[in-house]
């Protein structure tokens, strides 16, 4: 019997095309694809027009069903309408963010806020859209101790709010890396677009995170 392919979706939250965040995510996804049965896809948030969440909670009330539950957000028709089906279809999710003021980028925060309708109290077909799926985070900062772990905790909190299964990078042999994939661009400046490639340990943690997400996805879907 042929093994069903499982999808790991990558989300890049960098406004800069082809720079450090993208490179980390691509490396993690390449590593994930070394696990048999895994395919990957990357979404670059900068390519989508996404409105800010208004906190109206229409996605969590009965009026959210006025369109037959077709949309996770009852307020806006925008780029998230293309992303919601991919979130529902994936088996694992890796979110990559640069560190901005010791936090996730505006693009990542905007994306996270707009997933309210995927929670248990959503009223569309996307209710429970991420529950029991595997999540892992990637972050890159301009220095060591520059907010990487704080940013990682934000990503992991997002996964936990969605009742996902959070994995780190410590399950594969990497000294000193546990929470996920984390890189620094130091000693180069943050505007050097491929500075992370010099962070050997950081890039290994990204590869290991991809492998951990992939292996956990396959373990959960072994039946």
C-alpha atoms as a PDB file:
ATOM      1  CA  UNK A   1       0.000   0.000   0.000  1.00  0.00           C
ATOM      2  CA  UNK A   2       1.386   3.393  -0.998  1.00  0.00           C
ATOM      3  CA  UNK A   3       2.111   5.811   1.818  1.00  0.00           C
ATOM      4  CA  UNK A   4      -0.005   8.962   1.729  1.00  0.00           C
ATOM      5  CA  UNK A   5       2.101  12.087   1.360  1.00  0.00           C
ATOM      6  CA  UNK A   6       1.972  14.490   4.279  1.00  0.00           C
ATOM      7  CA  UNK A   7       2.277  18.245   3.869  1.00  0.00           C
ATOM      8  CA  UNK A   8       4.469  20.548   5.919  1.00  0.00           C
ATOM      9  CA  UNK A   9       3.591  24.176   5.293  1.00  0.00           C
ATOM     10  CA  UNK A  10       6.226  26.849   5.805  1.00  0.00           C
ATOM     11  CA  UNK A  11       5.342  30.461   6.577  1.00  0.00           C
ATOM     12  CA  UNK A  12       7.991  33.115   5.952  1.00  0.00           C
ATOM     13  CA  UNK A  13       7.295  36.320   7.836  1.00  0.00           C
ATOM     14  CA  UNK A  14      10.113  38.423   6.435  1.00  0.00           C
ATOM     15  CA  UNK A  15       9.413  41.494   4.303  1.00  0.00           C
ATOM     16  CA  UNK A  16      12.747  40.878   2.528  1.00  0.00           C
ATOM     17  CA  UNK A  17      12.709  38.482  -0.404  1.00  0.00           C
ATOM     18  CA  UNK A  18      15.424  35.834  -0.512  1.00  0.00           C
ATOM     19  CA  UNK A  19      17.143  37.028   2.651  1.00  0.00           C
ATOM     20  CA  UNK A  20      18.063  35.327   5.919  1.00  0.00           C
ATOM     21  CA  UNK A  21      14.604  34.258   7.113  1.00  0.00           C
ATOM     22  CA  UNK A  22      13.802  32.744   3.717  1.00  0.00           C
ATOM     23  CA  UNK A  23      17.147  30.921   3.605  1.00  0.00           C
ATOM     24  CA  UNK A  24      16.570  29.387   7.038  1.00  0.00           C
ATOM     25  CA  UNK A  25      13.083  28.248   6.130  1.00  0.00           C
ATOM     26  CA  UNK A  26      14.173  26.760   2.812  1.00  0.00           C
ATOM     27  CA  UNK A  27      16.936  24.860   4.593  1.00  0.00           C
ATOM     28  CA  UNK A  28      14.457  23.472   7.134  1.00  0.00           C
ATOM     29  CA  UNK A  29      12.036  22.438   4.394  1.00  0.00           C
ATOM     30  CA  UNK A  30      14.771  20.736   2.384  1.00  0.00           C
ATOM     31  CA  UNK A  31      15.704  18.755   5.478  1.00  0.00           C
ATOM     32  CA  UNK A  32      12.049  17.857   6.112  1.00  0.00           C
ATOM     33  CA  UNK A  33      11.776  16.427   2.610  1.00  0.00           C
ATOM     34  CA  UNK A  34      14.525  13.909   3.412  1.00  0.00           C
ATOM     35  CA  UNK A  35      11.928  12.126   5.558  1.00  0.00           C
ATOM     36  CA  UNK A  36      10.006   9.653   3.409  1.00  0.00           C
ATOM     37  CA  UNK A  37       6.404  10.633   2.757  1.00  0.00           C
ATOM     38  CA  UNK A  38       6.870  14.376   3.298  1.00  0.00           C
ATOM     39  CA  UNK A  39       6.249  17.169   0.825  1.00  0.00           C
ATOM     40  CA  UNK A  40       6.568  20.862   1.569  1.00  0.00           C
ATOM     41  CA  UNK A  41       5.198  24.207   0.467  1.00  0.00           C
ATOM     42  CA  UNK A  42       6.229  27.732   1.462  1.00  0.00           C
ATOM     43  CA  UNK A  43       4.012  30.793   1.808  1.00  0.00           C
ATOM     44  CA  UNK A  44       5.714  34.195   1.773  1.00  0.00           C
ATOM     45  CA  UNK A  45       3.444  36.542   3.707  1.00  0.00           C
ATOM     46  CA  UNK A  46       4.890  39.601   1.943  1.00  0.00           C
ATOM     47  CA  UNK A  47       3.232  38.383  -1.274  1.00  0.00           C
ATOM     48  CA  UNK A  48      -0.269  38.631   0.216  1.00  0.00           C
ATOM     49  CA  UNK A  49      -2.470  41.586   1.039  1.00  0.00           C
ATOM     50  CA  UNK A  50      -3.601  40.885   4.594  1.00  0.00           C
ATOM     51  CA  UNK A  51      -5.714  43.238   6.689  1.00  0.00           C
ATOM     52  CA  UNK A  52      -5.188  43.700  10.404  1.00  0.00           C
ATOM     53  CA  UNK A  53      -7.548  41.813  12.700  1.00  0.00           C
ATOM     54  CA  UNK A  54     -10.176  44.212  14.088  1.00  0.00           C
ATOM     55  CA  UNK A  55     -10.959  42.096  17.150  1.00  0.00           C
ATOM     56  CA  UNK A  56     -14.649  42.037  16.213  1.00  0.00           C
ATOM     57  CA  UNK A  57     -14.998  38.275  16.887  1.00  0.00           C
ATOM     58  CA  UNK A  58     -17.439  37.917  13.997  1.00  0.00           C
ATOM     59  CA  UNK A  59     -15.512  34.733  13.133  1.00  0.00           C
ATOM     60  CA  UNK A  60     -16.642  33.291  16.472  1.00  0.00           C
ATOM     61  CA  UNK A  61     -20.345  34.156  16.314  1.00  0.00           C
ATOM     62  CA  UNK A  62     -23.262  32.737  14.389  1.00  0.00           C
ATOM     63  CA  UNK A  63     -23.127  35.532  11.793  1.00  0.00           C
ATOM     64  CA  UNK A  64     -19.873  33.928  10.674  1.00  0.00           C
ATOM     65  CA  UNK A  65     -22.035  31.231   9.098  1.00  0.00           C
ATOM     66  CA  UNK A  66     -23.893  33.657   6.859  1.00  0.00           C
ATOM     67  CA  UNK A  67     -21.810  32.515   3.886  1.00  0.00           C
ATOM     68  CA  UNK A  68     -22.235  28.842   4.694  1.00  0.00           C
ATOM     69  CA  UNK A  69     -19.067  28.721   6.755  1.00  0.00           C
ATOM     70  CA  UNK A  70     -16.899  29.173   3.662  1.00  0.00           C
ATOM     71  CA  UNK A  71     -14.659  31.848   5.173  1.00  0.00           C
ATOM     72  CA  UNK A  72     -12.684  31.716   8.412  1.00  0.00           C
ATOM     73  CA  UNK A  73     -12.902  35.507   8.666  1.00  0.00           C
ATOM     74  CA  UNK A  74     -16.327  37.088   8.310  1.00  0.00           C
ATOM     75  CA  UNK A  75     -14.928  40.619   7.959  1.00  0.00           C
ATOM     76  CA  UNK A  76     -12.339  40.641   5.154  1.00  0.00           C
ATOM     77  CA  UNK A  77     -11.869  39.080   1.725  1.00  0.00           C
ATOM     78  CA  UNK A  78      -8.102  39.232   1.269  1.00  0.00           C
ATOM     79  CA  UNK A  79      -4.973  37.121   1.016  1.00  0.00           C
ATOM     80  CA  UNK A  80      -5.875  35.071   4.077  1.00  0.00           C
ATOM     81  CA  UNK A  81      -8.645  33.447   2.031  1.00  0.00           C
ATOM     82  CA  UNK A  82      -5.869  31.764   0.031  1.00  0.00           C
ATOM     83  CA  UNK A  83      -3.932  30.792   3.144  1.00  0.00           C
ATOM     84  CA  UNK A  84      -6.736  29.320   5.288  1.00  0.00           C
ATOM     85  CA  UNK A  85      -7.266  26.235   3.054  1.00  0.00           C
ATOM     86  CA  UNK A  86      -3.529  25.522   3.120  1.00  0.00           C
ATOM     87  CA  UNK A  87      -3.480  25.729   6.917  1.00  0.00           C
ATOM     88  CA  UNK A  88      -6.396  23.321   7.110  1.00  0.00           C
ATOM     89  CA  UNK A  89      -4.777  20.915   4.635  1.00  0.00           C
ATOM     90  CA  UNK A  90      -1.304  20.783   6.169  1.00  0.00           C
ATOM     91  CA  UNK A  91      -0.072  18.211   8.672  1.00  0.00           C
ATOM     92  CA  UNK A  92       2.773  20.320  10.021  1.00  0.00           C
ATOM     93  CA  UNK A  93       3.493  24.043  10.200  1.00  0.00           C
ATOM     94  CA  UNK A  94       6.843  25.829  10.411  1.00  0.00           C
ATOM     95  CA  UNK A  95       6.765  29.595  10.959  1.00  0.00           C
ATOM     96  CA  UNK A  96       9.933  31.615  10.343  1.00  0.00           C
ATOM     97  CA  UNK A  97      10.322  35.172  11.595  1.00  0.00           C
ATOM     98  CA  UNK A  98      13.064  37.755  11.884  1.00  0.00           C
ATOM     99  CA  UNK A  99      13.485  39.282  15.328  1.00  0.00           C
ATOM    100  CA  UNK A 100      12.199  42.865  15.402  1.00  0.00           C
ATOM    101  CA  UNK A 101      12.500  44.597  18.788  1.00  0.00           C
ATOM    102  CA  UNK A 102      12.699  41.171  20.480  1.00  0.00           C
ATOM    103  CA  UNK A 103       9.441  40.056  18.901  1.00  0.00           C
ATOM    104  CA  UNK A 104       8.016  38.580  15.712  1.00  0.00           C
ATOM    105  CA  UNK A 105       7.751  40.704  12.584  1.00  0.00           C
ATOM    106  CA  UNK A 106       4.599  42.704  11.874  1.00  0.00           C
ATOM    107  CA  UNK A 107       3.794  40.292   9.052  1.00  0.00           C
ATOM    108  CA  UNK A 108       3.866  37.277  11.383  1.00  0.00           C
ATOM    109  CA  UNK A 109       1.799  38.988  14.088  1.00  0.00           C
ATOM    110  CA  UNK A 110      -0.757  40.069  11.519  1.00  0.00           C
ATOM    111  CA  UNK A 111      -0.981  36.493  10.220  1.00  0.00           C
ATOM    112  CA  UNK A 112      -1.315  35.001  13.699  1.00  0.00           C
ATOM    113  CA  UNK A 113      -4.072  37.404  14.727  1.00  0.00           C
ATOM    114  CA  UNK A 114      -6.084  36.530  11.635  1.00  0.00           C
ATOM    115  CA  UNK A 115      -6.269  32.823  12.568  1.00  0.00           C
ATOM    116  CA  UNK A 116      -8.816  33.404  15.349  1.00  0.00           C
ATOM    117  CA  UNK A 117     -11.479  31.681  13.262  1.00  0.00           C
ATOM    118  CA  UNK A 118      -9.465  28.442  13.268  1.00  0.00           C
ATOM    119  CA  UNK A 119      -9.803  28.080  17.030  1.00  0.00           C
ATOM    120  CA  UNK A 120     -12.340  25.881  18.790  1.00  0.00           C
ATOM    121  CA  UNK A 121     -14.948  28.653  18.899  1.00  0.00           C
ATOM    122  CA  UNK A 122     -14.719  29.503  15.190  1.00  0.00           C
ATOM    123  CA  UNK A 123     -17.944  29.152  13.218  1.00  0.00           C
ATOM    124  CA  UNK A 124     -16.644  28.256   9.744  1.00  0.00           C
ATOM    125  CA  UNK A 125     -15.429  25.055   8.106  1.00  0.00           C
ATOM    126  CA  UNK A 126     -11.964  26.003   9.407  1.00  0.00           C
ATOM    127  CA  UNK A 127     -12.856  25.469  13.072  1.00  0.00           C
ATOM    128  CA  UNK A 128     -10.117  23.356  14.738  1.00  0.00           C
ATOM    129  CA  UNK A 129      -8.082  23.994  11.579  1.00  0.00           C
ATOM    130  CA  UNK A 130      -4.695  23.544  13.283  1.00  0.00           C
ATOM    131  CA  UNK A 131      -5.565  21.326  16.236  1.00  0.00           C
ATOM    132  CA  UNK A 132      -3.296  18.276  16.721  1.00  0.00           C
ATOM    133  CA  UNK A 133      -0.964  19.339  13.912  1.00  0.00           C
ATOM    134  CA  UNK A 134       2.780  19.661  14.423  1.00  0.00           C
ATOM    135  CA  UNK A 135       4.335  23.106  14.854  1.00  0.00           C
ATOM    136  CA  UNK A 136       7.899  24.390  14.920  1.00  0.00           C
ATOM    137  CA  UNK A 137       9.521  27.821  14.866  1.00  0.00           C
ATOM    138  CA  UNK A 138      12.519  29.455  13.215  1.00  0.00           C
ATOM    139  CA  UNK A 139      13.907  32.855  14.211  1.00  0.00           C
ATOM    140  CA  UNK A 140      16.861  35.023  13.226  1.00  0.00           C
ATOM    141  CA  UNK A 141      18.282  37.982  15.122  1.00  0.00           C
ATOM    142  CA  UNK A 142      21.102  40.437  14.602  1.00  0.00           C
ATOM    143  CA  UNK A 143      23.104  39.243  17.607  1.00  0.00           C
ATOM    144  CA  UNK A 144      23.250  36.539  20.264  1.00  0.00           C
ATOM    145  CA  UNK A 145      20.827  37.145  23.148  1.00  0.00           C
ATOM    146  CA  UNK A 146      19.012  39.659  20.963  1.00  0.00           C
ATOM    147  CA  UNK A 147      15.486  38.358  21.468  1.00  0.00           C
ATOM    148  CA  UNK A 148      15.653  35.049  19.622  1.00  0.00           C
ATOM    149  CA  UNK A 149      14.206  32.991  22.475  1.00  0.00           C
ATOM    150  CA  UNK A 150      11.543  35.595  23.277  1.00  0.00           C
ATOM    151  CA  UNK A 151      10.464  35.521  19.647  1.00  0.00           C
ATOM    152  CA  UNK A 152      10.508  31.723  19.638  1.00  0.00           C
ATOM    153  CA  UNK A 153       8.248  31.710  22.701  1.00  0.00           C
ATOM    154  CA  UNK A 154       5.735  33.856  20.809  1.00  0.00           C
ATOM    155  CA  UNK A 155       5.649  31.334  17.987  1.00  0.00           C
ATOM    156  CA  UNK A 156       5.305  28.446  20.421  1.00  0.00           C
ATOM    157  CA  UNK A 157       2.520  30.262  22.281  1.00  0.00           C
ATOM    158  CA  UNK A 158       0.680  30.570  18.959  1.00  0.00           C
ATOM    159  CA  UNK A 159       1.004  26.825  18.396  1.00  0.00           C
ATOM    160  CA  UNK A 160      -0.254  26.106  21.909  1.00  0.00           C
ATOM    161  CA  UNK A 161      -3.259  28.412  21.564  1.00  0.00           C
ATOM    162  CA  UNK A 162      -4.202  26.356  18.512  1.00  0.00           C
ATOM    163  CA  UNK A 163      -3.733  23.126  20.519  1.00  0.00           C
ATOM    164  CA  UNK A 164      -0.917  21.997  18.250  1.00  0.00           C
ATOM    165  CA  UNK A 165       1.934  19.617  19.043  1.00  0.00           C
ATOM    166  CA  UNK A 166       5.078  21.718  19.468  1.00  0.00           C
ATOM    167  CA  UNK A 167       8.502  20.280  18.702  1.00  0.00           C
ATOM    168  CA  UNK A 168      12.004  21.692  18.975  1.00  0.00           C
ATOM    169  CA  UNK A 169      15.319  20.872  17.382  1.00  0.00           C
ATOM    170  CA  UNK A 170      16.881  19.026  20.317  1.00  0.00           C
ATOM    171  CA  UNK A 171      15.808  15.565  19.190  1.00  0.00           C
ATOM    172  CA  UNK A 172      18.570  15.491  16.589  1.00  0.00           C
ATOM    173  CA  UNK A 173      22.260  15.777  17.541  1.00  0.00           C
ATOM    174  CA  UNK A 174      22.909  19.507  17.966  1.00  0.00           C
ATOM    175  CA  UNK A 175      24.753  20.871  21.005  1.00  0.00           C
ATOM    176  CA  UNK A 176      22.899  23.664  22.729  1.00  0.00           C
ATOM    177  CA  UNK A 177      19.772  23.965  20.539  1.00  0.00           C
ATOM    178  CA  UNK A 178      16.420  22.901  21.972  1.00  0.00           C
ATOM    179  CA  UNK A 179      13.499  25.242  21.297  1.00  0.00           C
ATOM    180  CA  UNK A 180      13.667  25.364  17.511  1.00  0.00           C
ATOM    181  CA  UNK A 181      15.853  26.782  14.776  1.00  0.00           C
ATOM    182  CA  UNK A 182      17.635  30.006  15.691  1.00  0.00           C
ATOM    183  CA  UNK A 183      20.303  31.936  13.811  1.00  0.00           C
ATOM    184  CA  UNK A 184      22.190  35.183  14.182  1.00  0.00           C
ATOM    185  CA  UNK A 185      23.575  37.411  11.458  1.00  0.00           C
ATOM    186  CA  UNK A 186      26.379  38.619  13.770  1.00  0.00           C
ATOM    187  CA  UNK A 187      29.225  39.525  13.212  1.00  0.00           C
ATOM    188  CA  UNK A 188      27.859  40.678   9.877  1.00  0.00           C
ATOM    189  CA  UNK A 189      25.233  43.389   9.727  1.00  0.00           C
ATOM    190  CA  UNK A 190      21.586  42.395   9.587  1.00  0.00           C
ATOM    191  CA  UNK A 191      21.194  43.807   6.093  1.00  0.00           C
ATOM    192  CA  UNK A 192      23.604  41.187   4.713  1.00  0.00           C
ATOM    193  CA  UNK A 193      21.041  38.986   3.020  1.00  0.00           C
ATOM    194  CA  UNK A 194      22.807  35.638   3.464  1.00  0.00           C
ATOM    195  CA  UNK A 195      24.629  36.228   6.751  1.00  0.00           C
ATOM    196  CA  UNK A 196      22.927  33.223   8.380  1.00  0.00           C
ATOM    197  CA  UNK A 197      24.888  30.862   6.146  1.00  0.00           C
ATOM    198  CA  UNK A 198      27.946  31.607   8.279  1.00  0.00           C
ATOM    199  CA  UNK A 199      26.107  30.517  11.443  1.00  0.00           C
ATOM    200  CA  UNK A 200      26.835  26.816  11.160  1.00  0.00           C
ATOM    201  CA  UNK A 201      25.228  25.800  14.444  1.00  0.00           C
ATOM    202  CA  UNK A 202      22.158  27.935  13.778  1.00  0.00           C
ATOM    203  CA  UNK A 203      21.616  26.499  10.310  1.00  0.00           C
ATOM    204  CA  UNK A 204      22.008  22.987  11.688  1.00  0.00           C
ATOM    205  CA  UNK A 205      19.314  23.760  14.249  1.00  0.00           C
ATOM    206  CA  UNK A 206      17.035  24.820  11.364  1.00  0.00           C
ATOM    207  CA  UNK A 207      17.651  21.561   9.513  1.00  0.00           C
ATOM    208  CA  UNK A 208      17.039  19.584  12.672  1.00  0.00           C
ATOM    209  CA  UNK A 209      13.797  21.444  13.321  1.00  0.00           C
ATOM    210  CA  UNK A 210      12.595  20.516   9.838  1.00  0.00           C
ATOM    211  CA  UNK A 211      13.468  16.873  10.424  1.00  0.00           C
ATOM    212  CA  UNK A 212      11.781  16.841  13.850  1.00  0.00           C
ATOM    213  CA  UNK A 213       8.557  18.301  12.466  1.00  0.00           C
ATOM    214  CA  UNK A 214       8.604  15.806   9.583  1.00  0.00           C
ATOM    215  CA  UNK A 215       9.320  12.769  11.749  1.00  0.00           C
ATOM    216  CA  UNK A 216       6.625  13.744  14.240  1.00  0.00           C
ATOM    217  CA  UNK A 217       4.099  14.234  11.430  1.00  0.00           C
ATOM    218  CA  UNK A 218       4.849  10.768  10.074  1.00  0.00           C
ATOM    219  CA  UNK A 219       4.707   9.197  13.539  1.00  0.00           C
ATOM    220  CA  UNK A 220       1.278  10.713  14.202  1.00  0.00           C
ATOM    221  CA  UNK A 221      -0.035   9.602  10.813  1.00  0.00           C
ATOM    222  CA  UNK A 222       1.470   6.132  10.790  1.00  0.00           C
ATOM    223  CA  UNK A 223      -1.904   4.390  11.045  1.00  0.00           C
END
